[in-house]
Amino acid sequence: MPNADDRSRRVTVDPEGPLLVEGPVEVVGEDGAVHTSRRFTVAICTCRRSRKYPWCDTSHRKRVKPEGRRARTAADSGETERTS
């Protein structure tokens, strides 16, 4: 697919998410494997958490804790803070 279309591709950068690229696109991985998508727009993972890497599956989104639960602190476990 190299140079199949001479028009520019638009890439939208989201610091909190994937790169959005107007398709079709080919992504060449570190190992040389070529991943092809013919979709109108593709989301390319930048955080490497995706199970479908290089395509984004929204795994980068922060997980929300269930209601009523809070983060465990050192005080909860009886640990004390060390000072030098």
PDB file of N, CA and C in Angstrom:
ATOM      1  N   MET A   1       0.806  -1.196   0.000  1.00  0.00           N
ATOM      2  CA  MET A   1       0.000   0.000   0.000  1.00  0.00           C
ATOM      3  C   MET A   1       0.854   1.267   0.000  1.00  0.00           C
ATOM      4  N   PRO A   2       2.158   1.213   0.073  1.00  0.00           N
ATOM      5  CA  PRO A   2       2.959   2.434   0.062  1.00  0.00           C
ATOM      6  C   PRO A   2       2.651   3.300  -1.147  1.00  0.00           C
ATOM      7  N   ASN A   3       2.487   4.592  -0.877  1.00  0.00           N
ATOM      8  CA  ASN A   3       2.231   5.571  -1.920  1.00  0.00           C
ATOM      9  C   ASN A   3       1.001   5.265  -2.769  1.00  0.00           C
ATOM     10  N   ALA A   4       0.027   4.564  -2.202  1.00  0.00           N
ATOM     11  CA  ALA A   4      -1.181   4.239  -2.941  1.00  0.00           C
ATOM     12  C   ALA A   4      -1.996   5.492  -3.246  1.00  0.00           C
ATOM     13  N   ASP A   5      -1.868   6.491  -2.386  1.00  0.00           N
ATOM     14  CA  ASP A   5      -2.601   7.735  -2.551  1.00  0.00           C
ATOM     15  C   ASP A   5      -1.671   8.867  -2.133  1.00  0.00           C
ATOM     16  N   ASP A   6      -1.459   9.834  -3.005  1.00  0.00           N
ATOM     17  CA  ASP A   6      -0.509  10.910  -2.720  1.00  0.00           C
ATOM     18  C   ASP A   6      -1.073  12.005  -1.818  1.00  0.00           C
ATOM     19  N   ARG A   7      -2.349  11.938  -1.464  1.00  0.00           N
ATOM     20  CA  ARG A   7      -2.904  12.990  -0.616  1.00  0.00           C
ATOM     21  C   ARG A   7      -2.386  12.861   0.809  1.00  0.00           C
ATOM     22  N   SER A   8      -2.363  13.972   1.517  1.00  0.00           N
ATOM     23  CA  SER A   8      -1.900  13.989   2.909  1.00  0.00           C
ATOM     24  C   SER A   8      -2.882  13.248   3.803  1.00  0.00           C
ATOM     25  N   ARG A   9      -2.353  12.652   4.847  1.00  0.00           N
ATOM     26  CA  ARG A   9      -3.177  11.998   5.854  1.00  0.00           C
ATOM     27  C   ARG A   9      -3.251  12.908   7.064  1.00  0.00           C
ATOM     28  N   ARG A  10      -4.412  13.015   7.654  1.00  0.00           N
ATOM     29  CA  ARG A  10      -4.561  13.826   8.860  1.00  0.00           C
ATOM     30  C   ARG A  10      -4.344  12.936  10.075  1.00  0.00           C
ATOM     31  N   VAL A  11      -3.483  13.394  10.984  1.00  0.00           N
ATOM     32  CA  VAL A  11      -3.213  12.699  12.237  1.00  0.00           C
ATOM     33  C   VAL A  11      -3.626  13.635  13.361  1.00  0.00           C
ATOM     34  N   THR A  12      -4.500  13.151  14.245  1.00  0.00           N
ATOM     35  CA  THR A  12      -4.949  13.944  15.379  1.00  0.00           C
ATOM     36  C   THR A  12      -4.314  13.379  16.637  1.00  0.00           C
ATOM     37  N   VAL A  13      -3.589  14.233  17.363  1.00  0.00           N
ATOM     38  CA  VAL A  13      -2.885  13.817  18.568  1.00  0.00           C
ATOM     39  C   VAL A  13      -3.732  14.174  19.786  1.00  0.00           C
ATOM     40  N   ASP A  14      -3.958  13.183  20.660  1.00  0.00           N
ATOM     41  CA  ASP A  14      -4.670  13.388  21.915  1.00  0.00           C
ATOM     42  C   ASP A  14      -3.731  12.951  23.031  1.00  0.00           C
ATOM     43  N   PRO A  15      -3.248  13.872  23.860  1.00  0.00           N
ATOM     44  CA  PRO A  15      -2.286  13.494  24.903  1.00  0.00           C
ATOM     45  C   PRO A  15      -2.847  12.481  25.900  1.00  0.00           C
ATOM     46  N   GLU A  16      -4.153  12.356  25.985  1.00  0.00           N
ATOM     47  CA  GLU A  16      -4.774  11.402  26.903  1.00  0.00           C
ATOM     48  C   GLU A  16      -5.210  10.119  26.200  1.00  0.00           C
ATOM     49  N   GLY A  17      -4.904   9.983  24.921  1.00  0.00           N
ATOM     50  CA  GLY A  17      -5.399   8.816  24.209  1.00  0.00           C
ATOM     51  C   GLY A  17      -4.563   8.462  22.997  1.00  0.00           C
ATOM     52  N   PRO A  18      -5.196   7.796  22.032  1.00  0.00           N
ATOM     53  CA  PRO A  18      -4.478   7.298  20.858  1.00  0.00           C
ATOM     54  C   PRO A  18      -4.269   8.377  19.803  1.00  0.00           C
ATOM     55  N   LEU A  19      -3.468   8.031  18.808  1.00  0.00           N
ATOM     56  CA  LEU A  19      -3.358   8.859  17.608  1.00  0.00           C
ATOM     57  C   LEU A  19      -4.512   8.470  16.694  1.00  0.00           C
ATOM     58  N   LEU A  20      -5.232   9.438  16.192  1.00  0.00           N
ATOM     59  CA  LEU A  20      -6.305   9.163  15.235  1.00  0.00           C
ATOM     60  C   LEU A  20      -5.775   9.504  13.857  1.00  0.00           C
ATOM     61  N   VAL A  21      -5.799   8.521  12.951  1.00  0.00           N
ATOM     62  CA  VAL A  21      -5.233   8.679  11.618  1.00  0.00           C
ATOM     63  C   VAL A  21      -6.305   8.384  10.585  1.00  0.00           C
ATOM     64  N   GLU A  22      -6.432   9.296   9.607  1.00  0.00           N
ATOM     65  CA  GLU A  22      -7.355   9.032   8.503  1.00  0.00           C
ATOM     66  C   GLU A  22      -6.811   7.864   7.710  1.00  0.00           C
ATOM     67  N   GLY A  23      -7.648   6.882   7.447  1.00  0.00           N
ATOM     68  CA  GLY A  23      -7.212   5.678   6.765  1.00  0.00           C
ATOM     69  C   GLY A  23      -7.417   5.752   5.272  1.00  0.00           C
ATOM     70  N   PRO A  24      -7.080   4.702   4.582  1.00  0.00           N
ATOM     71  CA  PRO A  24      -6.467   3.472   5.087  1.00  0.00           C
ATOM     72  C   PRO A  24      -5.006   3.691   5.470  1.00  0.00           C
ATOM     73  N   VAL A  25      -4.516   2.845   6.391  1.00  0.00           N
ATOM     74  CA  VAL A  25      -3.138   2.984   6.860  1.00  0.00           C
ATOM     75  C   VAL A  25      -2.452   1.629   6.989  1.00  0.00           C
ATOM     76  N   GLU A  26      -1.140   1.693   6.951  1.00  0.00           N
ATOM     77  CA  GLU A  26      -0.295   0.551   7.290  1.00  0.00           C
ATOM     78  C   GLU A  26       0.594   0.990   8.445  1.00  0.00           C
ATOM     79  N   VAL A  27       0.717   0.147   9.451  1.00  0.00           N
ATOM     80  CA  VAL A  27       1.606   0.420  10.574  1.00  0.00           C
ATOM     81  C   VAL A  27       2.657  -0.673  10.577  1.00  0.00           C
ATOM     82  N   VAL A  28       3.921  -0.270  10.563  1.00  0.00           N
ATOM     83  CA  VAL A  28       5.020  -1.235  10.606  1.00  0.00           C
ATOM     84  C   VAL A  28       5.511  -1.284  12.048  1.00  0.00           C
ATOM     85  N   GLY A  29       5.414  -2.469  12.658  1.00  0.00           N
ATOM     86  CA  GLY A  29       5.818  -2.644  14.040  1.00  0.00           C
ATOM     87  C   GLY A  29       7.327  -2.744  14.201  1.00  0.00           C
ATOM     88  N   GLU A  30       7.766  -2.740  15.465  1.00  0.00           N
ATOM     89  CA  GLU A  30       9.196  -2.830  15.772  1.00  0.00           C
ATOM     90  C   GLU A  30       9.834  -4.088  15.187  1.00  0.00           C
ATOM     91  N   ASP A  31       9.026  -5.146  15.107  1.00  0.00           N
ATOM     92  CA  ASP A  31       9.540  -6.409  14.587  1.00  0.00           C
ATOM     93  C   ASP A  31       9.437  -6.512  13.067  1.00  0.00           C
ATOM     94  N   GLY A  32       8.955  -5.426  12.433  1.00  0.00           N
ATOM     95  CA  GLY A  32       8.839  -5.413  10.976  1.00  0.00           C
ATOM     96  C   GLY A  32       7.497  -5.907  10.461  1.00  0.00           C
ATOM     97  N   ALA A  33       6.635  -6.391  11.360  1.00  0.00           N
ATOM     98  CA  ALA A  33       5.311  -6.861  10.950  1.00  0.00           C
ATOM     99  C   ALA A  33       4.478  -5.675  10.459  1.00  0.00           C
ATOM    100  N   VAL A  34       3.733  -5.886   9.378  1.00  0.00           N
ATOM    101  CA  VAL A  34       2.899  -4.835   8.802  1.00  0.00           C
ATOM    102  C   VAL A  34       1.452  -5.092   9.186  1.00  0.00           C
ATOM    103  N   HIS A  35       0.825  -4.092   9.805  1.00  0.00           N
ATOM    104  CA  HIS A  35      -0.577  -4.155  10.211  1.00  0.00           C
ATOM    105  C   HIS A  35      -1.340  -3.179   9.331  1.00  0.00           C
ATOM    106  N   THR A  36      -2.393  -3.662   8.663  1.00  0.00           N
ATOM    107  CA  THR A  36      -3.132  -2.858   7.706  1.00  0.00           C
ATOM    108  C   THR A  36      -4.568  -2.638   8.172  1.00  0.00           C
ATOM    109  N   SER A  37      -5.057  -1.420   7.985  1.00  0.00           N
ATOM    110  CA  SER A  37      -6.459  -1.116   8.246  1.00  0.00           C
ATOM    111  C   SER A  37      -6.983  -0.268   7.097  1.00  0.00           C
ATOM    112  N   ARG A  38      -8.124  -0.615   6.604  1.00  0.00           N
ATOM    113  CA  ARG A  38      -8.748   0.131   5.511  1.00  0.00           C
ATOM    114  C   ARG A  38      -9.912   0.981   6.018  1.00  0.00           C
ATOM    115  N   ARG A  39     -10.030   1.128   7.335  1.00  0.00           N
ATOM    116  CA  ARG A  39     -11.102   1.921   7.921  1.00  0.00           C
ATOM    117  C   ARG A  39     -10.922   3.401   7.581  1.00  0.00           C
ATOM    118  N   PHE A  40     -12.002   4.155   7.683  1.00  0.00           N
ATOM    119  CA  PHE A  40     -11.991   5.588   7.400  1.00  0.00           C
ATOM    120  C   PHE A  40     -11.067   6.328   8.361  1.00  0.00           C
ATOM    121  N   THR A  41     -11.125   6.004   9.641  1.00  0.00           N
ATOM    122  CA  THR A  41     -10.241   6.558  10.657  1.00  0.00           C
ATOM    123  C   THR A  41      -9.826   5.426  11.586  1.00  0.00           C
ATOM    124  N   VAL A  42      -8.555   5.388  11.931  1.00  0.00           N
ATOM    125  CA  VAL A  42      -8.070   4.354  12.844  1.00  0.00           C
ATOM    126  C   VAL A  42      -7.454   5.011  14.074  1.00  0.00           C
ATOM    127  N   ALA A  43      -7.543   4.297  15.199  1.00  0.00           N
ATOM    128  CA  ALA A  43      -6.953   4.765  16.450  1.00  0.00           C
ATOM    129  C   ALA A  43      -5.717   3.913  16.709  1.00  0.00           C
ATOM    130  N   ILE A  44      -4.568   4.564  16.761  1.00  0.00           N
ATOM    131  CA  ILE A  44      -3.309   3.858  16.978  1.00  0.00           C
ATOM    132  C   ILE A  44      -2.884   4.054  18.425  1.00  0.00           C
ATOM    133  N   CYS A  45      -2.680   2.951  19.111  1.00  0.00           N
ATOM    134  CA  CYS A  45      -2.333   2.956  20.530  1.00  0.00           C
ATOM    135  C   CYS A  45      -0.954   3.572  20.753  1.00  0.00           C
ATOM    136  N   THR A  46      -0.853   4.461  21.740  1.00  0.00           N
ATOM    137  CA  THR A  46       0.436   5.042  22.089  1.00  0.00           C
ATOM    138  C   THR A  46       0.883   4.638  23.495  1.00  0.00           C
ATOM    139  N   CYS A  47      -0.006   4.000  24.266  1.00  0.00           N
ATOM    140  CA  CYS A  47       0.336   3.638  25.646  1.00  0.00           C
ATOM    141  C   CYS A  47       0.774   2.176  25.770  1.00  0.00           C
ATOM    142  N   ARG A  48       0.575   1.399  24.721  1.00  0.00           N
ATOM    143  CA  ARG A  48       0.942  -0.019  24.662  1.00  0.00           C
ATOM    144  C   ARG A  48       0.136  -0.915  25.607  1.00  0.00           C
ATOM    145  N   ARG A  49      -1.003  -0.436  26.101  1.00  0.00           N
ATOM    146  CA  ARG A  49      -1.856  -1.262  26.967  1.00  0.00           C
ATOM    147  C   ARG A  49      -2.880  -2.067  26.178  1.00  0.00           C
ATOM    148  N   SER A  50      -3.026  -1.782  24.909  1.00  0.00           N
ATOM    149  CA  SER A  50      -4.048  -2.422  24.087  1.00  0.00           C
ATOM    150  C   SER A  50      -3.755  -3.898  23.849  1.00  0.00           C
ATOM    151  N   ARG A  51      -4.795  -4.706  23.953  1.00  0.00           N
ATOM    152  CA  ARG A  51      -4.655  -6.134  23.620  1.00  0.00           C
ATOM    153  C   ARG A  51      -4.660  -6.328  22.108  1.00  0.00           C
ATOM    154  N   LYS A  52      -5.028  -5.281  21.366  1.00  0.00           N
ATOM    155  CA  LYS A  52      -5.070  -5.340  19.900  1.00  0.00           C
ATOM    156  C   LYS A  52      -3.969  -4.477  19.292  1.00  0.00           C
ATOM    157  N   TYR A  53      -2.898  -4.232  20.043  1.00  0.00           N
ATOM    158  CA  TYR A  53      -1.817  -3.357  19.599  1.00  0.00           C
ATOM    159  C   TYR A  53      -1.357  -3.730  18.198  1.00  0.00           C
ATOM    160  N   PRO A  54      -1.175  -2.803  17.265  1.00  0.00           N
ATOM    161  CA  PRO A  54      -1.040  -1.368  17.439  1.00  0.00           C
ATOM    162  C   PRO A  54      -2.357  -0.596  17.452  1.00  0.00           C
ATOM    163  N   TRP A  55      -3.487  -1.279  17.307  1.00  0.00           N
ATOM    164  CA  TRP A  55      -4.774  -0.593  17.298  1.00  0.00           C
ATOM    165  C   TRP A  55      -5.236  -0.365  18.735  1.00  0.00           C
ATOM    166  N   CYS A  56      -5.823   0.775  18.995  1.00  0.00           N
ATOM    167  CA  CYS A  56      -6.292   1.127  20.339  1.00  0.00           C
ATOM    168  C   CYS A  56      -7.603   0.408  20.646  1.00  0.00           C
ATOM    169  N   ASP A  57      -7.691  -0.156  21.856  1.00  0.00           N
ATOM    170  CA  ASP A  57      -8.950  -0.756  22.311  1.00  0.00           C
ATOM    171  C   ASP A  57      -9.466  -0.037  23.562  1.00  0.00           C
ATOM    172  N   THR A  58      -9.013   1.181  23.790  1.00  0.00           N
ATOM    173  CA  THR A  58      -9.373   2.067  24.903  1.00  0.00           C
ATOM    174  C   THR A  58      -8.872   1.570  26.261  1.00  0.00           C
ATOM    175  N   SER A  59      -7.898   0.689  26.288  1.00  0.00           N
ATOM    176  CA  SER A  59      -7.334   0.216  27.551  1.00  0.00           C
ATOM    177  C   SER A  59      -6.599   1.330  28.291  1.00  0.00           C
ATOM    178  N   HIS A  60      -6.297   2.435  27.607  1.00  0.00           N
ATOM    179  CA  HIS A  60      -5.576   3.540  28.228  1.00  0.00           C
ATOM    180  C   HIS A  60      -6.437   4.318  29.213  1.00  0.00           C
ATOM    181  N   ARG A  61      -7.742   4.148  29.138  1.00  0.00           N
ATOM    182  CA  ARG A  61      -8.630   4.906  30.016  1.00  0.00           C
ATOM    183  C   ARG A  61      -8.405   4.504  31.463  1.00  0.00           C
ATOM    184  N   LYS A  62      -8.438   5.475  32.333  1.00  0.00           N
ATOM    185  CA  LYS A  62      -8.251   5.183  33.749  1.00  0.00           C
ATOM    186  C   LYS A  62      -9.443   4.389  34.265  1.00  0.00           C
ATOM    187  N   ARG A  63      -9.145   3.412  35.077  1.00  0.00           N
ATOM    188  CA  ARG A  63     -10.213   2.608  35.661  1.00  0.00           C
ATOM    189  C   ARG A  63     -10.794   3.345  36.856  1.00  0.00           C
ATOM    190  N   VAL A  64     -12.098   3.279  37.005  1.00  0.00           N
ATOM    191  CA  VAL A  64     -12.783   3.961  38.093  1.00  0.00           C
ATOM    192  C   VAL A  64     -13.038   2.947  39.203  1.00  0.00           C
ATOM    193  N   LYS A  65     -12.739   3.347  40.442  1.00  0.00           N
ATOM    194  CA  LYS A  65     -12.973   2.479  41.586  1.00  0.00           C
ATOM    195  C   LYS A  65     -14.471   2.406  41.865  1.00  0.00           C
ATOM    196  N   PRO A  66     -14.960   1.239  42.296  1.00  0.00           N
ATOM    197  CA  PRO A  66     -16.378   1.114  42.631  1.00  0.00           C
ATOM    198  C   PRO A  66     -16.746   2.065  43.770  1.00  0.00           C
ATOM    199  N   GLU A  67     -17.996   2.494  43.811  1.00  0.00           N
ATOM    200  CA  GLU A  67     -18.489   3.381  44.868  1.00  0.00           C
ATOM    201  C   GLU A  67     -18.237   2.764  46.238  1.00  0.00           C
ATOM    202  N   GLY A  68     -17.921   3.603  47.202  1.00  0.00           N
ATOM    203  CA  GLY A  68     -17.749   3.129  48.574  1.00  0.00           C
ATOM    204  C   GLY A  68     -16.371   2.596  48.892  1.00  0.00           C
ATOM    205  N   ARG A  69     -15.540   2.414  47.896  1.00  0.00           N
ATOM    206  CA  ARG A  69     -14.178   1.924  48.138  1.00  0.00           C
ATOM    207  C   ARG A  69     -13.222   3.084  48.035  1.00  0.00           C
ATOM    208  N   ARG A  70     -12.155   3.026  48.802  1.00  0.00           N
ATOM    209  CA  ARG A  70     -11.152   4.077  48.734  1.00  0.00           C
ATOM    210  C   ARG A  70      -9.786   3.430  48.670  1.00  0.00           C
ATOM    211  N   ALA A  71      -8.811   4.200  48.294  1.00  0.00           N
ATOM    212  CA  ALA A  71      -7.447   3.691  48.207  1.00  0.00           C
ATOM    213  C   ALA A  71      -6.951   3.306  49.592  1.00  0.00           C
ATOM    214  N   ARG A  72      -6.212   2.241  49.670  1.00  0.00           N
ATOM    215  CA  ARG A  72      -5.639   1.787  50.926  1.00  0.00           C
ATOM    216  C   ARG A  72      -4.430   2.654  51.262  1.00  0.00           C
ATOM    217  N   THR A  73      -4.344   3.078  52.506  1.00  0.00           N
ATOM    218  CA  THR A  73      -3.230   3.926  52.919  1.00  0.00           C
ATOM    219  C   THR A  73      -2.334   3.164  53.881  1.00  0.00           C
ATOM    220  N   ALA A  74      -1.153   3.711  54.156  1.00  0.00           N
ATOM    221  CA  ALA A  74      -0.228   3.094  55.104  1.00  0.00           C
ATOM    222  C   ALA A  74      -0.866   2.995  56.478  1.00  0.00           C
ATOM    223  N   ALA A  75      -1.666   3.980  56.873  1.00  0.00           N
ATOM    224  CA  ALA A  75      -2.324   3.966  58.181  1.00  0.00           C
ATOM    225  C   ALA A  75      -3.302   2.797  58.297  1.00  0.00           C
ATOM    226  N   ASP A  76      -3.971   2.450  57.186  1.00  0.00           N
ATOM    227  CA  ASP A  76      -4.917   1.338  57.195  1.00  0.00           C
ATOM    228  C   ASP A  76      -4.236   0.011  57.488  1.00  0.00           C
ATOM    229  N   SER A  77      -3.004  -0.159  57.041  1.00  0.00           N
ATOM    230  CA  SER A  77      -2.321  -1.436  57.191  1.00  0.00           C
ATOM    231  C   SER A  77      -1.432  -1.483  58.429  1.00  0.00           C
ATOM    232  N   GLY A  78      -1.401  -0.392  59.194  1.00  0.00           N
ATOM    233  CA  GLY A  78      -0.581  -0.348  60.392  1.00  0.00           C
ATOM    234  C   GLY A  78       0.866   0.023  60.123  1.00  0.00           C
ATOM    235  N   GLU A  79       1.181   0.337  58.873  1.00  0.00           N
ATOM    236  CA  GLU A  79       2.556   0.722  58.533  1.00  0.00           C
ATOM    237  C   GLU A  79       2.817   2.137  59.017  1.00  0.00           C
ATOM    238  N   THR A  80       4.044   2.421  59.333  1.00  0.00           N
ATOM    239  CA  THR A  80       4.421   3.770  59.738  1.00  0.00           C
ATOM    240  C   THR A  80       5.390   4.335  58.733  1.00  0.00           C
ATOM    241  N   GLU A  81       5.382   5.648  58.621  1.00  0.00           N
ATOM    242  CA  GLU A  81       6.285   6.320  57.696  1.00  0.00           C
ATOM    243  C   GLU A  81       7.658   6.424  58.318  1.00  0.00           C
ATOM    244  N   ARG A  82       8.667   6.059  57.558  1.00  0.00           N
ATOM    245  CA  ARG A  82      10.047   6.133  58.042  1.00  0.00           C
ATOM    246  C   ARG A  82      10.622   7.504  57.753  1.00  0.00           C
ATOM    247  N   THR A  83      11.365   8.018  58.736  1.00  0.00           N
ATOM    248  CA  THR A  83      12.072   9.273  58.508  1.00  0.00           C
ATOM    249  C   THR A  83      13.534   9.061  58.816  1.00  0.00           C
ATOM    250  N   SER A  84      14.392   9.753  58.130  1.00  0.00           N
ATOM    251  CA  SER A  84      15.830   9.585  58.334  1.00  0.00           C
ATOM    252  C   SER A  84      16.380  10.628  59.245  1.00  0.00           C
TER     253      SER A  84
END
